[in-house]
Amino acid sequence: MENEQKVTIRVAGIIIEDNKILFLLGKGYKELWTPGGKLEEGETNEECLKRELKEEIGVDLVEAKFFKEYDGPSFYRHSERTKNIMYLAKISGDIKPDMEIESFVWLSGEDFINKKYPMIPIYESDIIPDLIKEKIWN
């Protein structure tokens, strides 16, 4: 079919510590996102998340609990769609951003309300409101 958009499956972790959510800033980008990345062929969601956490920030995945899936237009590739498979994740180890990650922030509820940092819109419009609605965060 000609009009079918390419769909990228992205598996990401929502890491909450001390009531703050871990967000990353990729080199060359202005918007924050949670750690994760593209699901590779033959990988399970958990294997993908484990690999991405190790590659991006040098930590180990201790636990992953499925949260929700979000399907929508890709923020950076407008002709594509992204299916975000979100997990509540627990990690171990010290966060050491790799070459593609500029920095990281622990986002507080106050930071979110005050829009302190720009983030990929799906976090503001859907993911964080769902975390709040389900009393997982703030």
N, C-alpha and C. Protein backbone atom coordinates (compact mmCIF):
# COMPACT_ATOMS: atom_id res chain seq x y z
N MET A 1 0.83 -1.19 0.00
CA MET A 1 0.00 0.00 0.00
C MET A 1 0.87 1.25 0.00
N GLU A 2 0.51 2.19 -0.82
CA GLU A 2 1.34 3.38 -0.98
C GLU A 2 1.34 4.31 0.22
N ASN A 3 0.20 4.53 0.84
CA ASN A 3 0.11 5.54 1.89
C ASN A 3 0.43 5.03 3.30
N GLU A 4 0.86 3.78 3.41
CA GLU A 4 1.18 3.28 4.74
C GLU A 4 2.46 3.90 5.24
N GLN A 5 2.38 4.45 6.46
CA GLN A 5 3.56 5.06 7.06
C GLN A 5 4.44 3.98 7.69
N LYS A 6 5.74 4.23 7.66
CA LYS A 6 6.67 3.36 8.34
C LYS A 6 6.45 3.53 9.85
N VAL A 7 6.42 2.41 10.58
CA VAL A 7 6.25 2.46 12.02
C VAL A 7 7.53 1.96 12.68
N THR A 8 8.09 2.78 13.55
CA THR A 8 9.25 2.39 14.33
C THR A 8 8.77 2.02 15.72
N ILE A 9 9.23 0.89 16.22
CA ILE A 9 8.88 0.49 17.58
C ILE A 9 10.02 0.92 18.49
N ARG A 10 9.68 1.73 19.48
CA ARG A 10 10.66 2.23 20.44
C ARG A 10 10.28 1.70 21.82
N VAL A 11 11.23 1.08 22.49
CA VAL A 11 11.00 0.57 23.84
C VAL A 11 11.74 1.53 24.78
N ALA A 12 11.03 2.04 25.79
CA ALA A 12 11.65 3.03 26.68
C ALA A 12 11.31 2.74 28.13
N GLY A 13 12.21 3.19 28.99
CA GLY A 13 12.03 3.00 30.43
C GLY A 13 11.66 4.29 31.12
N ILE A 14 10.69 4.19 32.00
CA ILE A 14 10.35 5.31 32.88
C ILE A 14 10.99 4.96 34.22
N ILE A 15 12.03 5.71 34.56
CA ILE A 15 12.79 5.44 35.78
C ILE A 15 12.47 6.54 36.77
N ILE A 16 11.87 6.15 37.89
CA ILE A 16 11.46 7.12 38.91
C ILE A 16 12.25 6.83 40.18
N GLU A 17 12.96 7.85 40.65
CA GLU A 17 13.68 7.75 41.92
C GLU A 17 13.44 9.04 42.69
N ASP A 18 13.16 8.93 43.98
CA ASP A 18 12.88 10.10 44.82
C ASP A 18 11.82 11.00 44.18
N ASN A 19 10.81 10.39 43.59
CA ASN A 19 9.69 11.08 42.95
C ASN A 19 10.13 11.99 41.80
N LYS A 20 11.25 11.64 41.14
CA LYS A 20 11.71 12.36 39.96
C LYS A 20 11.90 11.35 38.84
N ILE A 21 11.61 11.79 37.60
CA ILE A 21 11.72 10.91 36.43
C ILE A 21 13.01 11.24 35.68
N LEU A 22 13.74 10.18 35.32
CA LEU A 22 14.98 10.35 34.57
C LEU A 22 14.68 10.66 33.10
N PHE A 23 15.21 11.79 32.62
CA PHE A 23 15.11 12.17 31.22
C PHE A 23 16.51 12.39 30.65
N LEU A 24 16.67 12.08 29.38
CA LEU A 24 17.94 12.27 28.69
C LEU A 24 17.82 13.37 27.64
N LEU A 25 18.96 14.00 27.37
CA LEU A 25 19.05 14.97 26.28
C LEU A 25 20.10 14.45 25.31
N GLY A 26 19.67 14.14 24.09
CA GLY A 26 20.59 13.64 23.08
C GLY A 26 21.42 14.78 22.50
N LYS A 27 22.63 14.46 22.10
CA LYS A 27 23.50 15.47 21.48
C LYS A 27 22.82 16.02 20.22
N GLY A 28 22.79 17.35 20.11
CA GLY A 28 22.20 17.98 18.94
C GLY A 28 20.69 18.16 19.02
N TYR A 29 20.09 17.83 20.15
CA TYR A 29 18.64 17.96 20.32
C TYR A 29 18.32 18.95 21.43
N LYS A 30 17.08 19.46 21.43
CA LYS A 30 16.64 20.39 22.47
C LYS A 30 15.63 19.74 23.41
N GLU A 31 15.02 18.62 22.98
CA GLU A 31 13.93 18.02 23.74
C GLU A 31 14.43 16.81 24.53
N LEU A 32 13.86 16.66 25.72
CA LEU A 32 14.18 15.51 26.57
C LEU A 32 13.31 14.31 26.20
N TRP A 33 13.83 13.12 26.48
CA TRP A 33 13.07 11.88 26.36
C TRP A 33 13.58 10.91 27.41
N THR A 34 12.84 9.83 27.63
CA THR A 34 13.30 8.82 28.59
C THR A 34 14.21 7.83 27.86
N PRO A 35 15.10 7.16 28.60
CA PRO A 35 16.04 6.23 27.96
C PRO A 35 15.31 5.12 27.23
N GLY A 36 15.85 4.75 26.09
CA GLY A 36 15.27 3.67 25.30
C GLY A 36 15.68 3.81 23.86
N GLY A 37 15.14 2.94 23.04
CA GLY A 37 15.50 3.01 21.63
C GLY A 37 14.75 2.00 20.80
N LYS A 38 15.18 1.92 19.56
CA LYS A 38 14.51 1.11 18.55
C LYS A 38 14.69 -0.39 18.81
N LEU A 39 13.57 -1.09 18.71
CA LEU A 39 13.57 -2.54 18.86
C LEU A 39 14.24 -3.17 17.64
N GLU A 40 15.25 -3.98 17.89
CA GLU A 40 15.94 -4.64 16.79
C GLU A 40 15.33 -6.01 16.52
N GLU A 41 15.47 -6.47 15.29
CA GLU A 41 14.88 -7.75 14.88
C GLU A 41 15.37 -8.87 15.79
N GLY A 42 14.42 -9.69 16.26
CA GLY A 42 14.75 -10.84 17.09
C GLY A 42 14.87 -10.53 18.57
N GLU A 43 14.78 -9.26 18.94
CA GLU A 43 14.90 -8.85 20.33
C GLU A 43 13.53 -8.85 21.01
N THR A 44 13.51 -9.20 22.30
CA THR A 44 12.29 -8.98 23.08
C THR A 44 12.31 -7.53 23.55
N ASN A 45 11.17 -7.03 24.00
CA ASN A 45 11.11 -5.67 24.52
C ASN A 45 12.10 -5.47 25.67
N GLU A 46 12.14 -6.45 26.57
CA GLU A 46 13.03 -6.33 27.73
C GLU A 46 14.50 -6.35 27.31
N GLU A 47 14.84 -7.19 26.34
CA GLU A 47 16.23 -7.22 25.84
C GLU A 47 16.60 -5.87 25.23
N CYS A 48 15.68 -5.28 24.50
CA CYS A 48 15.92 -3.97 23.89
C CYS A 48 16.16 -2.92 24.97
N LEU A 49 15.29 -2.89 25.97
CA LEU A 49 15.43 -1.91 27.04
C LEU A 49 16.75 -2.09 27.78
N LYS A 50 17.09 -3.34 28.07
CA LYS A 50 18.34 -3.65 28.76
C LYS A 50 19.54 -3.15 27.95
N ARG A 51 19.54 -3.42 26.65
CA ARG A 51 20.63 -3.00 25.77
C ARG A 51 20.73 -1.48 25.69
N GLU A 52 19.59 -0.82 25.51
CA GLU A 52 19.59 0.63 25.37
C GLU A 52 20.05 1.32 26.66
N LEU A 53 19.62 0.83 27.80
CA LEU A 53 20.06 1.43 29.07
C LEU A 53 21.57 1.31 29.23
N LYS A 54 22.11 0.17 28.84
CA LYS A 54 23.56 -0.05 28.93
C LYS A 54 24.29 0.86 27.95
N GLU A 55 23.79 0.91 26.69
CA GLU A 55 24.45 1.72 25.66
C GLU A 55 24.37 3.22 25.94
N GLU A 56 23.19 3.70 26.34
CA GLU A 56 22.98 5.14 26.49
C GLU A 56 23.55 5.72 27.78
N ILE A 57 23.35 4.99 28.89
CA ILE A 57 23.75 5.59 30.18
C ILE A 57 24.54 4.64 31.08
N GLY A 58 24.94 3.48 30.57
CA GLY A 58 25.84 2.59 31.30
C GLY A 58 25.28 1.95 32.55
N VAL A 59 23.97 1.76 32.62
CA VAL A 59 23.37 1.14 33.80
C VAL A 59 22.75 -0.21 33.44
N ASP A 60 22.49 -0.99 34.48
CA ASP A 60 21.87 -2.31 34.29
C ASP A 60 20.39 -2.23 34.62
N LEU A 61 19.60 -2.96 33.85
CA LEU A 61 18.16 -3.07 34.11
C LEU A 61 17.96 -4.11 35.19
N VAL A 62 17.28 -3.73 36.26
CA VAL A 62 17.01 -4.64 37.38
C VAL A 62 15.60 -5.21 37.23
N GLU A 63 14.66 -4.35 36.85
CA GLU A 63 13.26 -4.76 36.75
C GLU A 63 12.55 -3.91 35.70
N ALA A 64 11.67 -4.54 34.93
CA ALA A 64 10.87 -3.81 33.95
C ALA A 64 9.43 -4.30 34.04
N LYS A 65 8.51 -3.36 34.25
CA LYS A 65 7.09 -3.68 34.34
C LYS A 65 6.37 -2.89 33.25
N PHE A 66 5.66 -3.60 32.38
CA PHE A 66 4.96 -2.92 31.29
C PHE A 66 4.03 -1.85 31.84
N PHE A 67 4.07 -0.66 31.21
CA PHE A 67 3.17 0.43 31.61
C PHE A 67 2.09 0.63 30.56
N LYS A 68 2.45 1.15 29.39
CA LYS A 68 1.47 1.41 28.33
C LYS A 68 2.16 1.54 26.99
N GLU A 69 1.36 1.48 25.93
CA GLU A 69 1.86 1.74 24.57
C GLU A 69 1.23 3.04 24.08
N TYR A 70 2.03 3.80 23.36
CA TYR A 70 1.57 5.06 22.78
C TYR A 70 1.96 5.05 21.30
N ASP A 71 0.98 5.26 20.45
CA ASP A 71 1.21 5.23 19.01
C ASP A 71 0.90 6.61 18.45
N GLY A 72 1.83 7.16 17.69
CA GLY A 72 1.57 8.47 17.12
C GLY A 72 2.63 8.86 16.12
N PRO A 73 2.50 10.06 15.56
CA PRO A 73 3.49 10.52 14.58
C PRO A 73 4.86 10.63 15.23
N SER A 74 5.88 10.30 14.46
CA SER A 74 7.25 10.45 14.95
C SER A 74 7.55 11.94 15.08
N PHE A 75 8.14 12.33 16.19
CA PHE A 75 8.44 13.73 16.43
C PHE A 75 9.54 14.25 15.49
N TYR A 76 10.53 13.41 15.23
CA TYR A 76 11.67 13.85 14.41
C TYR A 76 11.55 13.47 12.94
N ARG A 77 10.81 12.40 12.64
CA ARG A 77 10.62 11.97 11.24
C ARG A 77 9.12 12.03 10.94
N HIS A 78 8.70 13.17 10.44
CA HIS A 78 7.27 13.47 10.30
C HIS A 78 6.51 12.54 9.37
N SER A 79 7.20 11.86 8.47
CA SER A 79 6.51 10.94 7.56
C SER A 79 6.32 9.56 8.18
N GLU A 80 6.83 9.38 9.41
CA GLU A 80 6.76 8.07 10.07
C GLU A 80 5.92 8.14 11.33
N ARG A 81 5.61 6.94 11.84
CA ARG A 81 4.90 6.81 13.11
C ARG A 81 5.82 6.09 14.09
N THR A 82 5.63 6.36 15.35
CA THR A 82 6.39 5.67 16.39
C THR A 82 5.42 5.02 17.36
N LYS A 83 5.68 3.75 17.63
CA LYS A 83 4.94 3.04 18.67
C LYS A 83 5.88 2.97 19.86
N ASN A 84 5.55 3.72 20.91
CA ASN A 84 6.36 3.76 22.13
C ASN A 84 5.82 2.74 23.11
N ILE A 85 6.63 1.76 23.44
CA ILE A 85 6.26 0.75 24.43
C ILE A 85 6.98 1.12 25.71
N MET A 86 6.22 1.59 26.69
CA MET A 86 6.79 2.15 27.91
C MET A 86 6.77 1.15 29.06
N TYR A 87 7.89 1.08 29.75
CA TYR A 87 8.04 0.22 30.93
C TYR A 87 8.43 1.06 32.12
N LEU A 88 7.90 0.70 33.29
CA LEU A 88 8.39 1.26 34.54
C LEU A 88 9.63 0.43 34.85
N ALA A 89 10.77 1.09 34.98
CA ALA A 89 12.02 0.36 35.10
C ALA A 89 12.78 0.74 36.36
N LYS A 90 13.49 -0.25 36.90
CA LYS A 90 14.42 -0.02 38.00
C LYS A 90 15.80 -0.36 37.47
N ILE A 91 16.78 0.46 37.86
CA ILE A 91 18.14 0.29 37.35
C ILE A 91 19.13 0.18 38.49
N SER A 92 20.34 -0.29 38.16
CA SER A 92 21.44 -0.25 39.12
C SER A 92 22.67 0.27 38.39
N GLY A 93 23.52 0.91 39.16
CA GLY A 93 24.74 1.47 38.59
C GLY A 93 24.66 2.98 38.50
N ASP A 94 25.81 3.60 38.28
CA ASP A 94 25.88 5.05 38.16
C ASP A 94 25.62 5.45 36.71
N ILE A 95 24.85 6.51 36.53
CA ILE A 95 24.52 6.99 35.19
C ILE A 95 25.74 7.67 34.57
N LYS A 96 26.18 7.10 33.45
CA LYS A 96 27.31 7.67 32.71
C LYS A 96 26.87 7.80 31.25
N PRO A 97 26.41 8.99 30.85
CA PRO A 97 25.95 9.17 29.47
C PRO A 97 27.03 8.81 28.45
N ASP A 98 26.61 8.15 27.36
CA ASP A 98 27.56 7.76 26.31
C ASP A 98 27.74 8.92 25.33
N MET A 99 28.39 8.63 24.21
CA MET A 99 28.73 9.65 23.22
C MET A 99 27.51 10.36 22.62
N GLU A 100 26.37 9.65 22.50
CA GLU A 100 25.21 10.27 21.85
C GLU A 100 24.31 11.03 22.82
N ILE A 101 24.60 10.95 24.11
CA ILE A 101 23.78 11.61 25.12
C ILE A 101 24.54 12.82 25.68
N GLU A 102 23.93 13.99 25.57
CA GLU A 102 24.53 15.24 26.05
C GLU A 102 24.53 15.29 27.58
N SER A 103 23.36 15.03 28.16
CA SER A 103 23.22 15.12 29.61
C SER A 103 21.93 14.43 30.04
N PHE A 104 21.69 14.44 31.34
CA PHE A 104 20.45 13.87 31.87
C PHE A 104 19.93 14.76 32.98
N VAL A 105 18.63 14.69 33.22
CA VAL A 105 18.02 15.44 34.32
C VAL A 105 17.03 14.54 35.04
N TRP A 106 16.88 14.80 36.32
CA TRP A 106 15.83 14.15 37.11
C TRP A 106 14.70 15.19 37.21
N LEU A 107 13.62 14.94 36.50
CA LEU A 107 12.51 15.88 36.40
C LEU A 107 11.58 15.75 37.61
N SER A 108 11.37 16.88 38.29
CA SER A 108 10.44 16.89 39.42
C SER A 108 9.05 17.31 38.92
N GLY A 109 8.06 17.10 39.77
CA GLY A 109 6.71 17.53 39.44
C GLY A 109 6.66 19.03 39.19
N GLU A 110 7.40 19.78 40.00
CA GLU A 110 7.45 21.24 39.84
C GLU A 110 8.06 21.62 38.49
N ASP A 111 9.14 20.91 38.10
CA ASP A 111 9.77 21.15 36.79
C ASP A 111 8.75 20.92 35.68
N PHE A 112 7.97 19.85 35.81
CA PHE A 112 6.97 19.52 34.79
C PHE A 112 5.90 20.60 34.70
N ILE A 113 5.34 20.97 35.85
CA ILE A 113 4.28 21.98 35.89
C ILE A 113 4.78 23.31 35.31
N ASN A 114 6.01 23.68 35.65
CA ASN A 114 6.57 24.95 35.19
C ASN A 114 7.20 24.87 33.80
N LYS A 115 7.10 23.69 33.17
CA LYS A 115 7.67 23.49 31.83
C LYS A 115 9.13 23.95 31.77
N LYS A 116 9.90 23.53 32.77
CA LYS A 116 11.30 23.94 32.89
C LYS A 116 12.15 23.48 31.71
N TYR A 117 11.84 22.29 31.18
CA TYR A 117 12.62 21.73 30.08
C TYR A 117 11.70 21.39 28.91
N PRO A 118 12.16 21.64 27.67
CA PRO A 118 11.38 21.16 26.52
C PRO A 118 11.49 19.64 26.45
N MET A 119 10.41 18.98 26.11
CA MET A 119 10.45 17.52 25.98
C MET A 119 9.64 17.11 24.76
N ILE A 120 9.87 15.87 24.32
CA ILE A 120 9.09 15.35 23.21
C ILE A 120 7.60 15.47 23.63
N PRO A 121 6.75 16.04 22.78
CA PRO A 121 5.37 16.36 23.17
C PRO A 121 4.55 15.21 23.76
N ILE A 122 4.76 13.98 23.31
CA ILE A 122 3.94 12.87 23.83
C ILE A 122 4.12 12.69 25.34
N TYR A 123 5.28 13.10 25.87
CA TYR A 123 5.48 13.02 27.33
C TYR A 123 4.59 14.02 28.04
N GLU A 124 4.52 15.24 27.52
CA GLU A 124 3.68 16.28 28.13
C GLU A 124 2.20 15.99 27.96
N SER A 125 1.81 15.53 26.78
CA SER A 125 0.39 15.38 26.48
C SER A 125 -0.21 14.06 26.97
N ASP A 126 0.58 12.99 27.02
CA ASP A 126 0.02 11.67 27.32
C ASP A 126 0.73 10.90 28.44
N ILE A 127 2.03 10.72 28.30
CA ILE A 127 2.74 9.79 29.21
C ILE A 127 2.74 10.30 30.65
N ILE A 128 3.22 11.53 30.87
CA ILE A 128 3.26 12.05 32.24
C ILE A 128 1.85 12.21 32.82
N PRO A 129 0.88 12.76 32.08
CA PRO A 129 -0.48 12.80 32.63
C PRO A 129 -1.00 11.41 33.03
N ASP A 130 -0.66 10.37 32.26
CA ASP A 130 -1.09 9.01 32.63
C ASP A 130 -0.40 8.54 33.91
N LEU A 131 0.87 8.87 34.07
CA LEU A 131 1.59 8.50 35.30
C LEU A 131 0.95 9.18 36.51
N ILE A 132 0.53 10.43 36.34
CA ILE A 132 -0.11 11.17 37.42
C ILE A 132 -1.50 10.59 37.70
N LYS A 133 -2.27 10.35 36.63
CA LYS A 133 -3.64 9.82 36.76
C LYS A 133 -3.65 8.46 37.48
N GLU A 134 -2.64 7.65 37.19
CA GLU A 134 -2.57 6.32 37.81
C GLU A 134 -1.82 6.32 39.13
N LYS A 135 -1.52 7.51 39.62
CA LYS A 135 -0.86 7.70 40.92
C LYS A 135 0.50 6.98 41.00
N ILE A 136 1.19 6.93 39.88
CA ILE A 136 2.53 6.34 39.85
C ILE A 136 3.55 7.43 40.14
N TRP A 137 3.22 8.65 39.74
CA TRP A 137 4.12 9.79 39.92
C TRP A 137 3.31 10.99 40.37
N ASN A 138 3.86 11.74 41.31
CA ASN A 138 3.25 12.96 41.84
C ASN A 138 1.80 12.79 42.18
